[in-house]
Amino acid sequence: MDVVIQIAGSILVLVGFALAQFGVLDVRSRRYLVLNTVGSGILAVEALVGQQWGFLLLEGVWAIVSGIGLVAVLRGGRPRSSH
């Protein structure tokens, strides 16, 4: 069952990434940020349970950053851009 959960989380992140690369989703859109927050959150929990500390660091930070961007969008703003 762990493998199915890991694949589901990975698919969410990768779908968001692919759709952004093909210009279907804006990286600051609600859909993109939800895909990243949920997918990386799932993977972070799996990494914690499996005591995979490097993977937890990667996915945990990914989930936090995506979550902050999502909160900004839901509050009516836009996440900060580096441009």
PDB file of N, CA and C in Angstrom:
ATOM      1  N   MET A   1       0.821  -1.204   0.000  1.00  0.00           N
ATOM      2  CA  MET A   1       0.000   0.000   0.000  1.00  0.00           C
ATOM      3  C   MET A   1       0.860   1.261   0.000  1.00  0.00           C
ATOM      4  N   ASP A   2       2.025   1.215   0.672  1.00  0.00           N
ATOM      5  CA  ASP A   2       2.916   2.378   0.701  1.00  0.00           C
ATOM      6  C   ASP A   2       3.326   2.800  -0.706  1.00  0.00           C
ATOM      7  N   VAL A   3       3.579   1.827  -1.559  1.00  0.00           N
ATOM      8  CA  VAL A   3       4.009   2.133  -2.923  1.00  0.00           C
ATOM      9  C   VAL A   3       2.905   2.862  -3.674  1.00  0.00           C
ATOM     10  N   VAL A   4       1.669   2.450  -3.479  1.00  0.00           N
ATOM     11  CA  VAL A   4       0.538   3.101  -4.151  1.00  0.00           C
ATOM     12  C   VAL A   4       0.415   4.554  -3.690  1.00  0.00           C
ATOM     13  N   ILE A   5       0.580   4.790  -2.404  1.00  0.00           N
ATOM     14  CA  ILE A   5       0.515   6.146  -1.857  1.00  0.00           C
ATOM     15  C   ILE A   5       1.660   6.995  -2.403  1.00  0.00           C
ATOM     16  N   GLN A   6       2.861   6.432  -2.452  1.00  0.00           N
ATOM     17  CA  GLN A   6       4.011   7.164  -2.989  1.00  0.00           C
ATOM     18  C   GLN A   6       3.814   7.507  -4.461  1.00  0.00           C
ATOM     19  N   ILE A   7       3.290   6.571  -5.220  1.00  0.00           N
ATOM     20  CA  ILE A   7       3.048   6.823  -6.643  1.00  0.00           C
ATOM     21  C   ILE A   7       1.990   7.899  -6.816  1.00  0.00           C
ATOM     22  N   ALA A   8       0.932   7.856  -6.010  1.00  0.00           N
ATOM     23  CA  ALA A   8      -0.119   8.874  -6.095  1.00  0.00           C
ATOM     24  C   ALA A   8       0.445  10.261  -5.798  1.00  0.00           C
ATOM     25  N   GLY A   9       1.240  10.387  -4.746  1.00  0.00           N
ATOM     26  CA  GLY A   9       1.855  11.675  -4.415  1.00  0.00           C
ATOM     27  C   GLY A   9       2.781  12.154  -5.521  1.00  0.00           C
ATOM     28  N   SER A  10       3.568  11.243  -6.054  1.00  0.00           N
ATOM     29  CA  SER A  10       4.486  11.592  -7.141  1.00  0.00           C
ATOM     30  C   SER A  10       3.733  12.042  -8.381  1.00  0.00           C
ATOM     31  N   ILE A  11       2.657  11.351  -8.712  1.00  0.00           N
ATOM     32  CA  ILE A  11       1.865  11.713  -9.888  1.00  0.00           C
ATOM     33  C   ILE A  11       1.295  13.117  -9.746  1.00  0.00           C
ATOM     34  N   LEU A  12       0.817  13.458  -8.556  1.00  0.00           N
ATOM     35  CA  LEU A  12       0.273  14.807  -8.346  1.00  0.00           C
ATOM     36  C   LEU A  12       1.334  15.872  -8.620  1.00  0.00           C
ATOM     37  N   VAL A  13       2.516  15.683  -8.060  1.00  0.00           N
ATOM     38  CA  VAL A  13       3.587  16.661  -8.267  1.00  0.00           C
ATOM     39  C   VAL A  13       4.002  16.705  -9.736  1.00  0.00           C
ATOM     40  N   LEU A  14       4.161  15.552 -10.345  1.00  0.00           N
ATOM     41  CA  LEU A  14       4.618  15.498 -11.735  1.00  0.00           C
ATOM     42  C   LEU A  14       3.587  16.023 -12.725  1.00  0.00           C
ATOM     43  N   VAL A  15       2.308  15.797 -12.456  1.00  0.00           N
ATOM     44  CA  VAL A  15       1.261  16.344 -13.337  1.00  0.00           C
ATOM     45  C   VAL A  15       1.305  17.866 -13.295  1.00  0.00           C
ATOM     46  N   GLY A  16       1.407  18.424 -12.089  1.00  0.00           N
ATOM     47  CA  GLY A  16       1.514  19.880 -11.968  1.00  0.00           C
ATOM     48  C   GLY A  16       2.728  20.418 -12.707  1.00  0.00           C
ATOM     49  N   PHE A  17       3.855  19.754 -12.545  1.00  0.00           N
ATOM     50  CA  PHE A  17       5.087  20.173 -13.208  1.00  0.00           C
ATOM     51  C   PHE A  17       4.945  20.104 -14.732  1.00  0.00           C
ATOM     52  N   ALA A  18       4.448  18.986 -15.226  1.00  0.00           N
ATOM     53  CA  ALA A  18       4.300  18.820 -16.678  1.00  0.00           C
ATOM     54  C   ALA A  18       3.331  19.846 -17.257  1.00  0.00           C
ATOM     55  N   LEU A  19       2.203  20.052 -16.601  1.00  0.00           N
ATOM     56  CA  LEU A  19       1.232  21.027 -17.103  1.00  0.00           C
ATOM     57  C   LEU A  19       1.792  22.447 -17.090  1.00  0.00           C
ATOM     58  N   ALA A  20       2.618  22.744 -16.114  1.00  0.00           N
ATOM     59  CA  ALA A  20       3.261  24.069 -16.091  1.00  0.00           C
ATOM     60  C   ALA A  20       4.275  24.184 -17.231  1.00  0.00           C
ATOM     61  N   GLN A  21       5.026  23.127 -17.476  1.00  0.00           N
ATOM     62  CA  GLN A  21       6.030  23.161 -18.543  1.00  0.00           C
ATOM     63  C   GLN A  21       5.389  23.314 -19.919  1.00  0.00           C
ATOM     64  N   PHE A  22       4.193  22.740 -20.094  1.00  0.00           N
ATOM     65  CA  PHE A  22       3.491  22.837 -21.375  1.00  0.00           C
ATOM     66  C   PHE A  22       2.609  24.077 -21.469  1.00  0.00           C
ATOM     67  N   GLY A  23       2.656  24.938 -20.458  1.00  0.00           N
ATOM     68  CA  GLY A  23       1.919  26.188 -20.488  1.00  0.00           C
ATOM     69  C   GLY A  23       0.438  26.059 -20.187  1.00  0.00           C
ATOM     70  N   VAL A  24       0.022  24.916 -19.675  1.00  0.00           N
ATOM     71  CA  VAL A  24      -1.391  24.711 -19.340  1.00  0.00           C
ATOM     72  C   VAL A  24      -1.720  25.351 -17.991  1.00  0.00           C
ATOM     73  N   LEU A  25      -0.806  25.253 -17.045  1.00  0.00           N
ATOM     74  CA  LEU A  25      -0.994  25.844 -15.720  1.00  0.00           C
ATOM     75  C   LEU A  25       0.087  26.880 -15.452  1.00  0.00           C
ATOM     76  N   ASP A  26      -0.305  27.946 -14.799  1.00  0.00           N
ATOM     77  CA  ASP A  26       0.648  28.937 -14.295  1.00  0.00           C
ATOM     78  C   ASP A  26       1.181  28.405 -12.966  1.00  0.00           C
ATOM     79  N   VAL A  27       2.466  28.553 -12.722  1.00  0.00           N
ATOM     80  CA  VAL A  27       3.054  28.028 -11.482  1.00  0.00           C
ATOM     81  C   VAL A  27       2.536  28.750 -10.239  1.00  0.00           C
ATOM     82  N   ARG A  28       1.833  29.849 -10.410  1.00  0.00           N
ATOM     83  CA  ARG A  28       1.235  30.548  -9.270  1.00  0.00           C
ATOM     84  C   ARG A  28      -0.279  30.363  -9.212  1.00  0.00           C
ATOM     85  N   SER A  29      -0.785  29.424 -10.012  1.00  0.00           N
ATOM     86  CA  SER A  29      -2.231  29.180 -10.016  1.00  0.00           C
ATOM     87  C   SER A  29      -2.632  28.285  -8.849  1.00  0.00           C
ATOM     88  N   ARG A  30      -3.885  28.382  -8.481  1.00  0.00           N
ATOM     89  CA  ARG A  30      -4.420  27.570  -7.393  1.00  0.00           C
ATOM     90  C   ARG A  30      -4.263  26.077  -7.698  1.00  0.00           C
ATOM     91  N   ARG A  31      -4.589  25.660  -8.899  1.00  0.00           N
ATOM     92  CA  ARG A  31      -4.503  24.234  -9.255  1.00  0.00           C
ATOM     93  C   ARG A  31      -3.078  23.705  -9.134  1.00  0.00           C
ATOM     94  N   TYR A  32      -2.135  24.451  -9.668  1.00  0.00           N
ATOM     95  CA  TYR A  32      -0.739  24.027  -9.603  1.00  0.00           C
ATOM     96  C   TYR A  32      -0.291  23.906  -8.140  1.00  0.00           C
ATOM     97  N   LEU A  33      -0.608  24.892  -7.347  1.00  0.00           N
ATOM     98  CA  LEU A  33      -0.180  24.901  -5.948  1.00  0.00           C
ATOM     99  C   LEU A  33      -0.857  23.800  -5.137  1.00  0.00           C
ATOM    100  N   VAL A  34      -2.118  23.502  -5.441  1.00  0.00           N
ATOM    101  CA  VAL A  34      -2.798  22.393  -4.756  1.00  0.00           C
ATOM    102  C   VAL A  34      -2.129  21.068  -5.110  1.00  0.00           C
ATOM    103  N   LEU A  35      -1.866  20.847  -6.397  1.00  0.00           N
ATOM    104  CA  LEU A  35      -1.188  19.613  -6.815  1.00  0.00           C
ATOM    105  C   LEU A  35       0.138  19.453  -6.093  1.00  0.00           C
ATOM    106  N   ASN A  36       0.921  20.520  -6.015  1.00  0.00           N
ATOM    107  CA  ASN A  36       2.231  20.455  -5.366  1.00  0.00           C
ATOM    108  C   ASN A  36       2.124  20.294  -3.860  1.00  0.00           C
ATOM    109  N   THR A  37       1.210  21.025  -3.239  1.00  0.00           N
ATOM    110  CA  THR A  37       1.074  20.942  -1.784  1.00  0.00           C
ATOM    111  C   THR A  37       0.619  19.550  -1.354  1.00  0.00           C
ATOM    112  N   VAL A  38      -0.406  19.040  -2.000  1.00  0.00           N
ATOM    113  CA  VAL A  38      -0.938  17.722  -1.632  1.00  0.00           C
ATOM    114  C   VAL A  38       0.057  16.614  -1.977  1.00  0.00           C
ATOM    115  N   GLY A  39       0.584  16.650  -3.192  1.00  0.00           N
ATOM    116  CA  GLY A  39       1.521  15.605  -3.606  1.00  0.00           C
ATOM    117  C   GLY A  39       2.767  15.562  -2.755  1.00  0.00           C
ATOM    118  N   SER A  40       3.385  16.703  -2.530  1.00  0.00           N
ATOM    119  CA  SER A  40       4.606  16.727  -1.726  1.00  0.00           C
ATOM    120  C   SER A  40       4.309  16.465  -0.255  1.00  0.00           C
ATOM    121  N   GLY A  41       3.127  16.861   0.201  1.00  0.00           N
ATOM    122  CA  GLY A  41       2.730  16.550   1.584  1.00  0.00           C
ATOM    123  C   GLY A  41       2.602  15.048   1.806  1.00  0.00           C
ATOM    124  N   ILE A  42       1.979  14.364   0.849  1.00  0.00           N
ATOM    125  CA  ILE A  42       1.869  12.901   0.918  1.00  0.00           C
ATOM    126  C   ILE A  42       3.262  12.271   0.959  1.00  0.00           C
ATOM    127  N   LEU A  43       4.124  12.727   0.080  1.00  0.00           N
ATOM    128  CA  LEU A  43       5.475  12.166   0.029  1.00  0.00           C
ATOM    129  C   LEU A  43       6.277  12.493   1.289  1.00  0.00           C
ATOM    130  N   ALA A  44       6.061  13.661   1.871  1.00  0.00           N
ATOM    131  CA  ALA A  44       6.756  14.021   3.108  1.00  0.00           C
ATOM    132  C   ALA A  44       6.334  13.105   4.253  1.00  0.00           C
ATOM    133  N   VAL A  45       5.048  12.824   4.347  1.00  0.00           N
ATOM    134  CA  VAL A  45       4.565  11.916   5.404  1.00  0.00           C
ATOM    135  C   VAL A  45       5.146  10.519   5.202  1.00  0.00           C
ATOM    136  N   GLU A  46       5.148  10.058   3.960  1.00  0.00           N
ATOM    137  CA  GLU A  46       5.737   8.747   3.662  1.00  0.00           C
ATOM    138  C   GLU A  46       7.219   8.710   4.034  1.00  0.00           C
ATOM    139  N   ALA A  47       7.937   9.796   3.755  1.00  0.00           N
ATOM    140  CA  ALA A  47       9.359   9.865   4.100  1.00  0.00           C
ATOM    141  C   ALA A  47       9.555   9.854   5.613  1.00  0.00           C
ATOM    142  N   LEU A  48       8.687  10.543   6.333  1.00  0.00           N
ATOM    143  CA  LEU A  48       8.770  10.562   7.793  1.00  0.00           C
ATOM    144  C   LEU A  48       8.550   9.166   8.366  1.00  0.00           C
ATOM    145  N   VAL A  49       7.514   8.506   7.891  1.00  0.00           N
ATOM    146  CA  VAL A  49       7.206   7.156   8.365  1.00  0.00           C
ATOM    147  C   VAL A  49       8.365   6.202   8.068  1.00  0.00           C
ATOM    148  N   GLY A  50       8.964   6.358   6.883  1.00  0.00           N
ATOM    149  CA  GLY A  50      10.066   5.488   6.497  1.00  0.00           C
ATOM    150  C   GLY A  50      11.425   5.954   6.981  1.00  0.00           C
ATOM    151  N   GLN A  51      11.454   7.040   7.748  1.00  0.00           N
ATOM    152  CA  GLN A  51      12.687   7.613   8.285  1.00  0.00           C
ATOM    153  C   GLN A  51      13.714   7.871   7.184  1.00  0.00           C
ATOM    154  N   GLN A  52      13.235   8.444   6.078  1.00  0.00           N
ATOM    155  CA  GLN A  52      14.098   8.817   4.960  1.00  0.00           C
ATOM    156  C   GLN A  52      14.323  10.320   5.060  1.00  0.00           C
ATOM    157  N   TRP A  53      15.343  10.711   5.815  1.00  0.00           N
ATOM    158  CA  TRP A  53      15.512  12.097   6.229  1.00  0.00           C
ATOM    159  C   TRP A  53      15.807  13.052   5.078  1.00  0.00           C
ATOM    160  N   GLY A  54      16.605  12.657   4.134  1.00  0.00           N
ATOM    161  CA  GLY A  54      16.891  13.523   2.984  1.00  0.00           C
ATOM    162  C   GLY A  54      15.643  13.754   2.147  1.00  0.00           C
ATOM    163  N   PHE A  55      14.892  12.701   1.930  1.00  0.00           N
ATOM    164  CA  PHE A  55      13.643  12.793   1.171  1.00  0.00           C
ATOM    165  C   PHE A  55      12.622  13.624   1.942  1.00  0.00           C
ATOM    166  N   LEU A  56      12.591  13.471   3.267  1.00  0.00           N
ATOM    167  CA  LEU A  56      11.696  14.273   4.097  1.00  0.00           C
ATOM    168  C   LEU A  56      12.051  15.750   3.987  1.00  0.00           C
ATOM    169  N   LEU A  57      13.327  16.072   4.002  1.00  0.00           N
ATOM    170  CA  LEU A  57      13.752  17.462   3.856  1.00  0.00           C
ATOM    171  C   LEU A  57      13.273  18.028   2.519  1.00  0.00           C
ATOM    172  N   LEU A  58      13.524  17.301   1.441  1.00  0.00           N
ATOM    173  CA  LEU A  58      13.120  17.756   0.111  1.00  0.00           C
ATOM    174  C   LEU A  58      11.614  17.956   0.028  1.00  0.00           C
ATOM    175  N   GLU A  59      10.859  16.934   0.351  1.00  0.00           N
ATOM    176  CA  GLU A  59       9.408  16.996   0.191  1.00  0.00           C
ATOM    177  C   GLU A  59       8.745  17.882   1.240  1.00  0.00           C
ATOM    178  N   GLY A  60       9.310  17.920   2.446  1.00  0.00           N
ATOM    179  CA  GLY A  60       8.760  18.784   3.485  1.00  0.00           C
ATOM    180  C   GLY A  60       8.874  20.252   3.114  1.00  0.00           C
ATOM    181  N   VAL A  61      10.049  20.637   2.635  1.00  0.00           N
ATOM    182  CA  VAL A  61      10.234  22.031   2.212  1.00  0.00           C
ATOM    183  C   VAL A  61       9.359  22.330   1.001  1.00  0.00           C
ATOM    184  N   TRP A  62       9.280  21.396   0.064  1.00  0.00           N
ATOM    185  CA  TRP A  62       8.442  21.573  -1.121  1.00  0.00           C
ATOM    186  C   TRP A  62       6.987  21.808  -0.698  1.00  0.00           C
ATOM    187  N   ALA A  63       6.502  21.012   0.237  1.00  0.00           N
ATOM    188  CA  ALA A  63       5.124  21.153   0.713  1.00  0.00           C
ATOM    189  C   ALA A  63       4.915  22.490   1.427  1.00  0.00           C
ATOM    190  N   ILE A  64       5.864  22.892   2.246  1.00  0.00           N
ATOM    191  CA  ILE A  64       5.738  24.154   2.988  1.00  0.00           C
ATOM    192  C   ILE A  64       5.720  25.347   2.031  1.00  0.00           C
ATOM    193  N   VAL A  65       6.657  25.365   1.099  1.00  0.00           N
ATOM    194  CA  VAL A  65       6.727  26.485   0.152  1.00  0.00           C
ATOM    195  C   VAL A  65       5.471  26.530  -0.710  1.00  0.00           C
ATOM    196  N   SER A  66       5.027  25.378  -1.202  1.00  0.00           N
ATOM    197  CA  SER A  66       3.801  25.333  -2.005  1.00  0.00           C
ATOM    198  C   SER A  66       2.592  25.754  -1.172  1.00  0.00           C
ATOM    199  N   GLY A  67       2.558  25.305   0.069  1.00  0.00           N
ATOM    200  CA  GLY A  67       1.456  25.669   0.959  1.00  0.00           C
ATOM    201  C   GLY A  67       1.401  27.161   1.234  1.00  0.00           C
ATOM    202  N   ILE A  68       2.551  27.784   1.417  1.00  0.00           N
ATOM    203  CA  ILE A  68       2.588  29.241   1.629  1.00  0.00           C
ATOM    204  C   ILE A  68       2.061  29.960   0.393  1.00  0.00           C
ATOM    205  N   GLY A  69       2.475  29.509  -0.787  1.00  0.00           N
ATOM    206  CA  GLY A  69       1.970  30.097  -2.025  1.00  0.00           C
ATOM    207  C   GLY A  69       0.476  29.904  -2.171  1.00  0.00           C
ATOM    208  N   LEU A  70      -0.012  28.728  -1.812  1.00  0.00           N
ATOM    209  CA  LEU A  70      -1.442  28.441  -1.904  1.00  0.00           C
ATOM    210  C   LEU A  70      -2.251  29.333  -0.964  1.00  0.00           C
ATOM    211  N   VAL A  71      -1.772  29.508   0.254  1.00  0.00           N
ATOM    212  CA  VAL A  71      -2.452  30.386   1.210  1.00  0.00           C
ATOM    213  C   VAL A  71      -2.517  31.807   0.671  1.00  0.00           C
ATOM    214  N   ALA A  72      -1.426  32.283   0.087  1.00  0.00           N
ATOM    215  CA  ALA A  72      -1.409  33.636  -0.483  1.00  0.00           C
ATOM    216  C   ALA A  72      -2.459  33.768  -1.587  1.00  0.00           C
ATOM    217  N   VAL A  73      -2.556  32.765  -2.454  1.00  0.00           N
ATOM    218  CA  VAL A  73      -3.540  32.800  -3.537  1.00  0.00           C
ATOM    219  C   VAL A  73      -4.955  32.756  -2.970  1.00  0.00           C
ATOM    220  N   LEU A  74      -5.189  31.905  -1.988  1.00  0.00           N
ATOM    221  CA  LEU A  74      -6.529  31.786  -1.403  1.00  0.00           C
ATOM    222  C   LEU A  74      -6.955  33.052  -0.670  1.00  0.00           C
ATOM    223  N   ARG A  75      -5.988  33.808  -0.203  1.00  0.00           N
ATOM    224  CA  ARG A  75      -6.297  35.088   0.471  1.00  0.00           C
ATOM    225  C   ARG A  75      -6.494  36.218  -0.524  1.00  0.00           C
ATOM    226  N   GLY A  76      -6.422  35.898  -1.802  1.00  0.00           N
ATOM    227  CA  GLY A  76      -6.682  36.902  -2.817  1.00  0.00           C
ATOM    228  C   GLY A  76      -5.447  37.546  -3.392  1.00  0.00           C
ATOM    229  N   GLY A  77      -4.306  37.147  -2.913  1.00  0.00           N
ATOM    230  CA  GLY A  77      -3.061  37.699  -3.438  1.00  0.00           C
ATOM    231  C   GLY A  77      -2.420  36.744  -4.411  1.00  0.00           C
ATOM    232  N   ARG A  78      -1.180  36.990  -4.708  1.00  0.00           N
ATOM    233  CA  ARG A  78      -0.387  36.104  -5.546  1.00  0.00           C
ATOM    234  C   ARG A  78       0.921  35.867  -4.829  1.00  0.00           C
ATOM    235  N   PRO A  79       1.432  34.659  -4.914  1.00  0.00           N
ATOM    236  CA  PRO A  79       2.750  34.423  -4.312  1.00  0.00           C
ATOM    237  C   PRO A  79       3.779  35.355  -4.925  1.00  0.00           C
ATOM    238  N   ARG A  80       4.771  35.696  -4.163  1.00  0.00           N
ATOM    239  CA  ARG A  80       5.822  36.581  -4.675  1.00  0.00           C
ATOM    240  C   ARG A  80       6.529  35.935  -5.838  1.00  0.00           C
ATOM    241  N   SER A  81       6.865  36.748  -6.803  1.00  0.00           N
ATOM    242  CA  SER A  81       7.633  36.279  -7.958  1.00  0.00           C
ATOM    243  C   SER A  81       9.057  36.769  -7.808  1.00  0.00           C
ATOM    244  N   SER A  82       9.983  35.996  -8.327  1.00  0.00           N
ATOM    245  CA  SER A  82      11.390  36.408  -8.243  1.00  0.00           C
ATOM    246  C   SER A  82      11.744  37.367  -9.363  1.00  0.00           C
ATOM    247  N   HIS A  83      10.807  37.694 -10.221  1.00  0.00           N
ATOM    248  CA  HIS A  83      11.076  38.577 -11.368  1.00  0.00           C
ATOM    249  C   HIS A  83      10.635  39.981 -11.094  1.00  0.00           C
TER     250      HIS A  83
END
